[in-house]
Amino acid sequence: MKLIERYIAREILLPFTVVLLILVGLYASFVSARLLTGAVTETLGVAALLKLVFLKTLIALEVLIPVALYISVIIGLDRLNKDQELNIIRSAGVSGARIVLTVLTVAIPVGILSGTLSAYARPWAYSESYILDAQAEAELNTNRFQAGRFYGSEKSGRVVYVRSKNDATKEMEDIFHYIKKKEGSEIVIAQQARQVHPSTQEDRPHILLSDGIVYELSKTASVDDMIRFEDMTYFIDKDFVLKYRRKAAATRTLWESSQPHDIAELQWRISRPLSTILMALLAVTYIRISPRQEKTERTYIIAALVFAAYYNLSGLARSWVEQSVVGSIPGVWWLDLLILAFLVGYAAFSNRKSLFLRRS
């Protein structure tokens, strides 16, 4: 790479690094605040909270990286444009095509990085975060219970109360458990309880209750049931582990599936590199369209609106494939094809305009 190309690439890479770090910091702060508001530290502890923040930030990188590159291309070229350096570079014999190729030398590696994260790191991060999220929100996770407090869920109609708890052994005393069911309701009162962790991944986690009573309250029957027990195993729902989640599925698994939801997820992952590169090239056009300094603010506003519209349309394209409104071909690619067609048309128009000016 020649000196001028290296100089232009540096003007893009420096703001890219700064913008990416700022975006990652802001997103991680937002996630941390949301998790702290949900009292995740009381449930899983600080270490798990930090891991969850890391996983969610890793997931967000597939969006943060293209955003950072898009902004950095505009910032870098706009700075060169305002200082008249682009005009000097062009007068030195560097064509617009060489400037675009320089942008591509930055955008292509960044696009490959974004695609790799989307295809491999993102599914793993989703898988790990699903487990941590479920553990934090599990209604019968004894780690989240504190003595002397009621825990309720409007979604399931469950209420749990623990009078005392040994934080070291996780054993509890005087437990009250109420859950609303379709046919009635159930109340469980036990003297002691402890959570038993599964020995294998296939086993379901459960709570062992001792010395208690179960009241079965029926809406239809005239007589309610009461059952005394010495020991009772209460299984915890483990659907969050067993349930198939496409975002956490391996890319190879999605490739072998013919389900519309799987196809949409696969195409979304594959399209990330192309999307990153196209948006970087689209950013170049703003500098060519608005060469004067007084149009800079307007350029940034238009660029922000275009980027927001693009990602909203990307989500719409994926939803259409999931709902079989659009087939696997063109799938989610129609939006990228439109942008590519615009860029090709813009390049042709710019070349024709340049030839006309030279002849004039």
Foldseek 3Di string as FASTA:
>chain_A
DDDVLVVLLVQLVVQLVVQLVVVLVVQLVVLLVVVVVVVLCQQPNDVLSVLLSVLVSLLCCLVSNLVSNLVSLLRSVLVCLAVCVVVVVVVVVQDPVNSLVSSCVNLLVSLVVSLVSQQPVQLQSVLVNLVSVCSSPFPPNLSNDDAPDWDADPVFGKIKHFHHADNVQSKTAFIWIKTADPFGIKIKTAGIKHKDDDPDPPDFTWMKGAFIKMWAGGPPDPDIDIDTDGIDIGTTDPCSNVPDDLSNDHLVVLVPDPALLSLLSNVVSVCSSLVSSLSSLVSVVLCVVDSDPVCSVVSVVVNVVVVVVLVVLLVVLSVCSNVVVDDSVVRSCPSSVVSVVVSVVVVVVVVVVVVVVVVD
